[in-house]
Amino acid sequence: MKPVDPQEPEQDARVEPTSPSLDVGAGFQVPVEKLGRFALQQSLPAEDGWSAFLAVDPVFEQEVVVHVAQERAFPDTAARAQFEAAAEVAKTLSHPSIVPVVGAGKSELGSYIVYQQLPGIDLDQWLAQQPGPLAGQ
């Protein structure tokens, strides 16, 4: 991400929220600005039990996506431990068909996993654009 020079005219006038909020259940929203080293920029559509954010990794100066698991995402401590172990393994994987995991951790808001932000559309959008059923292989 390019630093802003106050002497340069503003090129991009879009306004991004400065304090995304995390749904912690029961309709409560908690304002969040950072999760670990990741600076949260914008809330993304969430799934049940998970919140998602577009963020910036200041160490590698790249956009990332942070998925935060809320308490209700794990039915018990064994499920949480399994998630955390899987996140650690995922950080070691490298393949052109796998979105790289660049971080994982725990915070007061829950366990989280961080993926590299890739350009393009997601799988649901791609499938919606297909003219018919996909051929099996």
N, C-alpha and C. Protein backbone atom coordinates (compact mmCIF):
# COMPACT_ATOMS: atom_id res chain seq x y z
N MET A 1 0.84 -1.16 0.00
CA MET A 1 0.00 0.00 0.00
C MET A 1 0.89 1.23 0.00
N LYS A 2 0.62 2.15 -0.90
CA LYS A 2 1.43 3.35 -1.06
C LYS A 2 1.13 4.35 0.05
N PRO A 3 2.19 4.90 0.69
CA PRO A 3 1.93 5.93 1.71
C PRO A 3 1.34 7.18 1.08
N VAL A 4 0.53 7.89 1.83
CA VAL A 4 -0.12 9.09 1.33
C VAL A 4 0.82 10.28 1.52
N ASP A 5 1.04 11.03 0.44
CA ASP A 5 1.84 12.25 0.50
C ASP A 5 0.87 13.42 0.61
N PRO A 6 0.93 14.19 1.71
CA PRO A 6 -0.03 15.28 1.88
C PRO A 6 0.12 16.38 0.82
N GLN A 7 1.25 16.42 0.10
CA GLN A 7 1.47 17.42 -0.93
C GLN A 7 0.82 17.04 -2.26
N GLU A 8 0.55 15.74 -2.45
CA GLU A 8 -0.06 15.27 -3.70
C GLU A 8 -1.57 15.42 -3.63
N PRO A 9 -2.21 15.76 -4.78
CA PRO A 9 -3.68 15.77 -4.78
C PRO A 9 -4.20 14.35 -4.61
N GLU A 10 -5.35 14.25 -3.97
CA GLU A 10 -5.93 12.94 -3.73
C GLU A 10 -6.38 12.31 -5.04
N GLN A 11 -5.89 11.10 -5.33
CA GLN A 11 -6.23 10.40 -6.58
C GLN A 11 -7.48 9.54 -6.41
N ASP A 12 -7.66 8.99 -5.23
CA ASP A 12 -8.76 8.07 -4.99
C ASP A 12 -9.63 8.63 -3.87
N ALA A 13 -10.86 8.98 -4.17
CA ALA A 13 -11.71 9.64 -3.18
C ALA A 13 -12.62 8.68 -2.44
N ARG A 14 -12.42 7.36 -2.60
CA ARG A 14 -13.32 6.45 -1.90
C ARG A 14 -13.08 6.52 -0.40
N VAL A 15 -14.16 6.35 0.33
CA VAL A 15 -14.10 6.43 1.78
C VAL A 15 -14.26 5.03 2.34
N GLU A 16 -13.31 4.63 3.16
CA GLU A 16 -13.39 3.33 3.78
C GLU A 16 -13.63 3.52 5.27
N PRO A 17 -14.40 2.61 5.88
CA PRO A 17 -14.65 2.75 7.31
C PRO A 17 -13.34 2.67 8.09
N THR A 18 -13.19 3.51 9.10
CA THR A 18 -11.97 3.48 9.89
C THR A 18 -12.08 2.48 11.03
N SER A 19 -13.28 2.11 11.41
CA SER A 19 -13.45 1.16 12.49
C SER A 19 -14.46 0.10 12.11
N PRO A 20 -14.02 -0.97 11.42
CA PRO A 20 -14.96 -2.05 11.13
C PRO A 20 -15.47 -2.63 12.45
N SER A 21 -16.61 -3.27 12.39
CA SER A 21 -17.11 -3.87 13.62
C SER A 21 -17.24 -5.38 13.44
N LEU A 22 -17.09 -6.07 14.54
CA LEU A 22 -17.16 -7.52 14.56
C LEU A 22 -18.44 -7.93 15.25
N ASP A 23 -19.23 -8.80 14.60
CA ASP A 23 -20.45 -9.32 15.20
C ASP A 23 -20.05 -10.39 16.20
N VAL A 24 -20.25 -10.13 17.47
CA VAL A 24 -19.87 -11.09 18.50
C VAL A 24 -21.07 -11.91 18.98
N GLY A 25 -22.13 -11.88 18.22
CA GLY A 25 -23.31 -12.68 18.54
C GLY A 25 -24.38 -11.86 19.22
N ALA A 26 -25.58 -12.36 19.16
CA ALA A 26 -26.75 -11.74 19.79
C ALA A 26 -26.94 -10.29 19.33
N GLY A 27 -26.49 -9.99 18.10
CA GLY A 27 -26.69 -8.67 17.55
C GLY A 27 -25.73 -7.60 18.05
N PHE A 28 -24.71 -7.98 18.83
CA PHE A 28 -23.76 -7.00 19.35
C PHE A 28 -22.61 -6.82 18.37
N GLN A 29 -22.24 -5.57 18.14
CA GLN A 29 -21.13 -5.23 17.26
C GLN A 29 -20.02 -4.59 18.09
N VAL A 30 -18.78 -5.03 17.87
CA VAL A 30 -17.64 -4.49 18.59
C VAL A 30 -16.72 -3.81 17.58
N PRO A 31 -16.39 -2.50 17.75
CA PRO A 31 -15.50 -1.84 16.81
C PRO A 31 -14.08 -2.41 16.93
N VAL A 32 -13.46 -2.65 15.80
CA VAL A 32 -12.13 -3.26 15.76
C VAL A 32 -11.31 -2.50 14.73
N GLU A 33 -10.07 -2.20 15.03
CA GLU A 33 -9.18 -1.56 14.07
C GLU A 33 -8.01 -2.44 13.69
N LYS A 34 -7.52 -3.27 14.63
CA LYS A 34 -6.40 -4.15 14.36
C LYS A 34 -6.68 -5.52 14.94
N LEU A 35 -6.17 -6.52 14.27
CA LEU A 35 -6.22 -7.88 14.78
C LEU A 35 -4.82 -8.43 14.57
N GLY A 36 -4.08 -8.61 15.66
CA GLY A 36 -2.67 -8.95 15.54
C GLY A 36 -1.98 -7.80 14.83
N ARG A 37 -1.18 -8.12 13.82
CA ARG A 37 -0.48 -7.07 13.07
C ARG A 37 -1.32 -6.51 11.93
N PHE A 38 -2.49 -7.07 11.70
CA PHE A 38 -3.30 -6.75 10.53
C PHE A 38 -4.23 -5.57 10.80
N ALA A 39 -4.15 -4.53 9.96
CA ALA A 39 -4.98 -3.34 10.09
C ALA A 39 -6.27 -3.56 9.31
N LEU A 40 -7.38 -3.68 10.00
CA LEU A 40 -8.66 -3.95 9.35
C LEU A 40 -9.15 -2.70 8.64
N GLN A 41 -9.59 -2.87 7.39
CA GLN A 41 -10.01 -1.75 6.56
C GLN A 41 -11.51 -1.73 6.30
N GLN A 42 -12.09 -2.91 6.07
CA GLN A 42 -13.48 -2.95 5.62
C GLN A 42 -14.09 -4.31 5.97
N SER A 43 -15.33 -4.31 6.43
CA SER A 43 -16.05 -5.56 6.67
C SER A 43 -16.45 -6.19 5.34
N LEU A 44 -16.41 -7.50 5.30
CA LEU A 44 -16.83 -8.26 4.13
C LEU A 44 -18.04 -9.10 4.53
N PRO A 45 -18.79 -9.63 3.55
CA PRO A 45 -19.92 -10.49 3.91
C PRO A 45 -19.45 -11.65 4.80
N ALA A 46 -20.18 -11.90 5.86
CA ALA A 46 -19.79 -12.93 6.83
C ALA A 46 -20.69 -14.15 6.70
N GLU A 47 -20.18 -15.26 7.21
CA GLU A 47 -20.96 -16.49 7.27
C GLU A 47 -21.31 -16.74 8.73
N ASP A 48 -22.23 -17.63 8.99
CA ASP A 48 -22.68 -17.91 10.35
C ASP A 48 -21.49 -18.30 11.23
N GLY A 49 -21.29 -17.53 12.28
CA GLY A 49 -20.21 -17.83 13.22
C GLY A 49 -18.86 -17.25 12.82
N TRP A 50 -18.78 -16.59 11.67
CA TRP A 50 -17.52 -16.04 11.18
C TRP A 50 -17.72 -14.60 10.73
N SER A 51 -16.72 -13.78 10.97
CA SER A 51 -16.68 -12.42 10.43
C SER A 51 -15.50 -12.37 9.48
N ALA A 52 -15.59 -11.51 8.47
CA ALA A 52 -14.50 -11.40 7.49
C ALA A 52 -14.19 -9.93 7.24
N PHE A 53 -12.93 -9.63 7.03
CA PHE A 53 -12.48 -8.26 6.82
C PHE A 53 -11.42 -8.21 5.73
N LEU A 54 -11.46 -7.15 4.94
CA LEU A 54 -10.34 -6.81 4.09
C LEU A 54 -9.39 -6.05 4.99
N ALA A 55 -8.10 -6.38 4.94
CA ALA A 55 -7.13 -5.77 5.85
C ALA A 55 -5.82 -5.55 5.12
N VAL A 56 -4.89 -4.90 5.81
CA VAL A 56 -3.56 -4.67 5.29
C VAL A 56 -2.55 -5.31 6.23
N ASP A 57 -1.61 -6.04 5.64
CA ASP A 57 -0.50 -6.61 6.38
C ASP A 57 0.65 -5.61 6.27
N PRO A 58 0.97 -4.87 7.34
CA PRO A 58 2.01 -3.84 7.24
C PRO A 58 3.40 -4.43 7.08
N VAL A 59 3.61 -5.67 7.47
CA VAL A 59 4.94 -6.28 7.34
C VAL A 59 5.27 -6.54 5.87
N PHE A 60 4.31 -7.11 5.14
CA PHE A 60 4.55 -7.44 3.73
C PHE A 60 3.89 -6.44 2.78
N GLU A 61 3.25 -5.40 3.34
CA GLU A 61 2.62 -4.35 2.56
C GLU A 61 1.71 -4.93 1.46
N GLN A 62 0.77 -5.75 1.90
CA GLN A 62 -0.18 -6.35 0.96
C GLN A 62 -1.56 -6.42 1.60
N GLU A 63 -2.58 -6.49 0.72
CA GLU A 63 -3.95 -6.68 1.21
C GLU A 63 -4.15 -8.14 1.54
N VAL A 64 -4.90 -8.38 2.60
CA VAL A 64 -5.21 -9.73 3.04
C VAL A 64 -6.69 -9.79 3.41
N VAL A 65 -7.18 -10.99 3.61
CA VAL A 65 -8.54 -11.21 4.10
C VAL A 65 -8.42 -11.93 5.43
N VAL A 66 -9.05 -11.38 6.46
CA VAL A 66 -9.01 -11.96 7.80
C VAL A 66 -10.37 -12.57 8.10
N HIS A 67 -10.38 -13.85 8.45
CA HIS A 67 -11.61 -14.54 8.88
C HIS A 67 -11.49 -14.78 10.38
N VAL A 68 -12.47 -14.27 11.14
CA VAL A 68 -12.46 -14.40 12.59
C VAL A 68 -13.59 -15.34 12.99
N ALA A 69 -13.23 -16.39 13.72
CA ALA A 69 -14.23 -17.33 14.22
C ALA A 69 -14.77 -16.84 15.55
N GLN A 70 -16.07 -16.71 15.62
CA GLN A 70 -16.70 -16.32 16.88
C GLN A 70 -16.91 -17.59 17.72
N GLU A 71 -17.19 -17.41 18.98
CA GLU A 71 -17.34 -18.55 19.90
C GLU A 71 -18.31 -19.60 19.37
N ARG A 72 -19.39 -19.16 18.75
CA ARG A 72 -20.40 -20.13 18.30
C ARG A 72 -19.93 -20.97 17.11
N ALA A 73 -18.79 -20.62 16.51
CA ALA A 73 -18.26 -21.40 15.39
C ALA A 73 -17.68 -22.74 15.85
N PHE A 74 -17.36 -22.85 17.14
CA PHE A 74 -16.76 -24.07 17.68
C PHE A 74 -17.67 -24.65 18.75
N PRO A 75 -18.18 -25.85 18.52
CA PRO A 75 -19.08 -26.45 19.52
C PRO A 75 -18.37 -26.86 20.82
N ASP A 76 -17.04 -27.08 20.74
CA ASP A 76 -16.31 -27.49 21.94
C ASP A 76 -14.82 -27.17 21.77
N THR A 77 -14.05 -27.42 22.82
CA THR A 77 -12.62 -27.08 22.78
C THR A 77 -11.87 -27.96 21.79
N ALA A 78 -12.32 -29.17 21.55
CA ALA A 78 -11.66 -30.05 20.57
C ALA A 78 -11.79 -29.47 19.17
N ALA A 79 -12.95 -28.90 18.85
CA ALA A 79 -13.14 -28.29 17.52
C ALA A 79 -12.25 -27.08 17.35
N ARG A 80 -12.09 -26.27 18.41
CA ARG A 80 -11.20 -25.10 18.35
C ARG A 80 -9.75 -25.56 18.17
N ALA A 81 -9.33 -26.57 18.89
CA ALA A 81 -7.97 -27.08 18.77
C ALA A 81 -7.72 -27.63 17.36
N GLN A 82 -8.72 -28.29 16.79
CA GLN A 82 -8.59 -28.82 15.42
C GLN A 82 -8.43 -27.68 14.42
N PHE A 83 -9.22 -26.60 14.59
CA PHE A 83 -9.10 -25.43 13.72
C PHE A 83 -7.70 -24.84 13.81
N GLU A 84 -7.21 -24.65 15.03
CA GLU A 84 -5.90 -24.04 15.21
C GLU A 84 -4.79 -24.90 14.63
N ALA A 85 -4.89 -26.23 14.76
CA ALA A 85 -3.88 -27.13 14.18
C ALA A 85 -3.95 -27.07 12.65
N ALA A 86 -5.15 -27.04 12.10
CA ALA A 86 -5.31 -26.97 10.64
C ALA A 86 -4.77 -25.65 10.10
N ALA A 87 -4.96 -24.56 10.83
CA ALA A 87 -4.44 -23.26 10.40
C ALA A 87 -2.92 -23.28 10.36
N GLU A 88 -2.30 -23.91 11.33
CA GLU A 88 -0.83 -23.99 11.35
C GLU A 88 -0.32 -24.81 10.16
N VAL A 89 -0.99 -25.90 9.83
CA VAL A 89 -0.60 -26.71 8.67
C VAL A 89 -0.83 -25.93 7.39
N ALA A 90 -1.95 -25.21 7.28
CA ALA A 90 -2.28 -24.46 6.07
C ALA A 90 -1.22 -23.41 5.76
N LYS A 91 -0.59 -22.84 6.79
CA LYS A 91 0.44 -21.83 6.56
C LYS A 91 1.65 -22.41 5.83
N THR A 92 1.83 -23.73 5.88
CA THR A 92 3.00 -24.35 5.24
C THR A 92 2.72 -24.79 3.80
N LEU A 93 1.46 -24.75 3.37
CA LEU A 93 1.11 -25.23 2.04
C LEU A 93 1.42 -24.19 0.97
N SER A 94 1.87 -24.68 -0.19
CA SER A 94 2.15 -23.80 -1.31
C SER A 94 1.80 -24.53 -2.60
N HIS A 95 0.80 -23.99 -3.31
CA HIS A 95 0.35 -24.59 -4.57
C HIS A 95 -0.41 -23.52 -5.34
N PRO A 96 -0.30 -23.49 -6.68
CA PRO A 96 -1.01 -22.46 -7.44
C PRO A 96 -2.53 -22.47 -7.27
N SER A 97 -3.11 -23.59 -6.85
CA SER A 97 -4.56 -23.68 -6.69
C SER A 97 -5.01 -23.45 -5.25
N ILE A 98 -4.10 -23.07 -4.37
CA ILE A 98 -4.45 -22.83 -2.97
C ILE A 98 -4.18 -21.37 -2.64
N VAL A 99 -5.17 -20.71 -2.06
CA VAL A 99 -4.96 -19.33 -1.60
C VAL A 99 -4.01 -19.40 -0.40
N PRO A 100 -2.89 -18.67 -0.46
CA PRO A 100 -1.92 -18.76 0.63
C PRO A 100 -2.45 -18.21 1.95
N VAL A 101 -2.16 -18.95 3.02
CA VAL A 101 -2.44 -18.49 4.37
C VAL A 101 -1.21 -17.76 4.85
N VAL A 102 -1.39 -16.51 5.29
CA VAL A 102 -0.24 -15.70 5.70
C VAL A 102 -0.18 -15.46 7.20
N GLY A 103 -1.17 -15.96 7.92
CA GLY A 103 -1.15 -15.79 9.36
C GLY A 103 -2.33 -16.46 10.02
N ALA A 104 -2.23 -16.66 11.30
CA ALA A 104 -3.31 -17.21 12.12
C ALA A 104 -2.99 -16.87 13.56
N GLY A 105 -4.02 -16.82 14.37
CA GLY A 105 -3.77 -16.52 15.77
C GLY A 105 -5.05 -16.48 16.58
N LYS A 106 -4.90 -16.03 17.82
CA LYS A 106 -6.02 -15.89 18.73
C LYS A 106 -6.00 -14.47 19.27
N SER A 107 -7.18 -13.92 19.49
CA SER A 107 -7.30 -12.62 20.11
C SER A 107 -8.50 -12.67 21.05
N GLU A 108 -8.75 -11.55 21.72
CA GLU A 108 -9.92 -11.50 22.60
C GLU A 108 -11.22 -11.65 21.83
N LEU A 109 -11.17 -11.44 20.51
CA LEU A 109 -12.38 -11.55 19.68
C LEU A 109 -12.59 -12.96 19.13
N GLY A 110 -11.57 -13.80 19.19
CA GLY A 110 -11.69 -15.16 18.70
C GLY A 110 -10.47 -15.59 17.91
N SER A 111 -10.49 -16.83 17.46
CA SER A 111 -9.42 -17.35 16.63
C SER A 111 -9.58 -16.78 15.23
N TYR A 112 -8.46 -16.55 14.55
CA TYR A 112 -8.55 -16.01 13.20
C TYR A 112 -7.52 -16.63 12.28
N ILE A 113 -7.82 -16.56 11.00
CA ILE A 113 -6.92 -17.05 9.96
C ILE A 113 -6.88 -15.97 8.88
N VAL A 114 -5.69 -15.76 8.31
CA VAL A 114 -5.48 -14.66 7.37
C VAL A 114 -5.00 -15.22 6.04
N TYR A 115 -5.70 -14.85 4.97
CA TYR A 115 -5.38 -15.30 3.63
C TYR A 115 -4.88 -14.13 2.78
N GLN A 116 -4.02 -14.45 1.84
CA GLN A 116 -3.60 -13.43 0.87
C GLN A 116 -4.83 -13.03 0.06
N GLN A 117 -5.00 -11.74 -0.20
CA GLN A 117 -6.11 -11.26 -1.03
C GLN A 117 -5.74 -11.46 -2.49
N LEU A 118 -6.56 -12.18 -3.22
CA LEU A 118 -6.32 -12.42 -4.63
C LEU A 118 -7.34 -11.67 -5.47
N PRO A 119 -6.92 -11.11 -6.59
CA PRO A 119 -7.87 -10.41 -7.45
C PRO A 119 -8.81 -11.39 -8.15
N GLY A 120 -9.95 -10.89 -8.57
CA GLY A 120 -10.88 -11.72 -9.33
C GLY A 120 -12.15 -11.99 -8.57
N ILE A 121 -12.93 -12.93 -9.09
CA ILE A 121 -14.22 -13.26 -8.50
C ILE A 121 -14.10 -14.52 -7.66
N ASP A 122 -15.06 -14.74 -6.76
CA ASP A 122 -15.02 -15.95 -5.95
C ASP A 122 -15.75 -17.08 -6.67
N LEU A 123 -15.66 -18.27 -6.11
CA LEU A 123 -16.21 -19.46 -6.75
C LEU A 123 -17.72 -19.35 -6.98
N ASP A 124 -18.47 -18.82 -6.02
CA ASP A 124 -19.91 -18.66 -6.19
C ASP A 124 -20.23 -17.77 -7.39
N GLN A 125 -19.49 -16.67 -7.54
CA GLN A 125 -19.71 -15.77 -8.68
C GLN A 125 -19.37 -16.47 -9.99
N TRP A 126 -18.28 -17.21 -10.02
CA TRP A 126 -17.87 -17.92 -11.23
C TRP A 126 -18.90 -18.96 -11.64
N LEU A 127 -19.40 -19.73 -10.67
CA LEU A 127 -20.41 -20.74 -10.97
C LEU A 127 -21.69 -20.13 -11.50
N ALA A 128 -22.08 -18.97 -10.97
CA ALA A 128 -23.28 -18.29 -11.43
C ALA A 128 -23.15 -17.84 -12.88
N GLN A 129 -21.94 -17.63 -13.35
CA GLN A 129 -21.71 -17.17 -14.73
C GLN A 129 -21.69 -18.33 -15.74
N GLN A 130 -21.65 -19.57 -15.27
CA GLN A 130 -21.57 -20.71 -16.18
C GLN A 130 -22.93 -20.96 -16.83
N PRO A 131 -22.94 -21.27 -18.12
CA PRO A 131 -24.21 -21.41 -18.83
C PRO A 131 -25.00 -22.66 -18.47
N GLY A 132 -24.36 -23.64 -17.90
CA GLY A 132 -25.07 -24.86 -17.55
C GLY A 132 -24.24 -25.70 -16.59
N PRO A 133 -24.65 -26.96 -16.37
CA PRO A 133 -23.90 -27.83 -15.46
C PRO A 133 -22.48 -28.04 -15.98
N LEU A 134 -21.56 -28.22 -15.05
CA LEU A 134 -20.17 -28.48 -15.40
C LEU A 134 -19.98 -29.96 -15.68
N ALA A 135 -19.15 -30.26 -16.67
CA ALA A 135 -18.86 -31.65 -17.03
C ALA A 135 -17.96 -32.26 -15.97
N GLY A 136 -18.26 -33.49 -15.55
CA GLY A 136 -17.43 -34.19 -14.58
C GLY A 136 -16.21 -34.79 -15.25
N GLN A 137 -15.19 -35.01 -14.44
CA GLN A 137 -13.98 -35.64 -14.99
C GLN A 137 -13.68 -36.91 -14.27
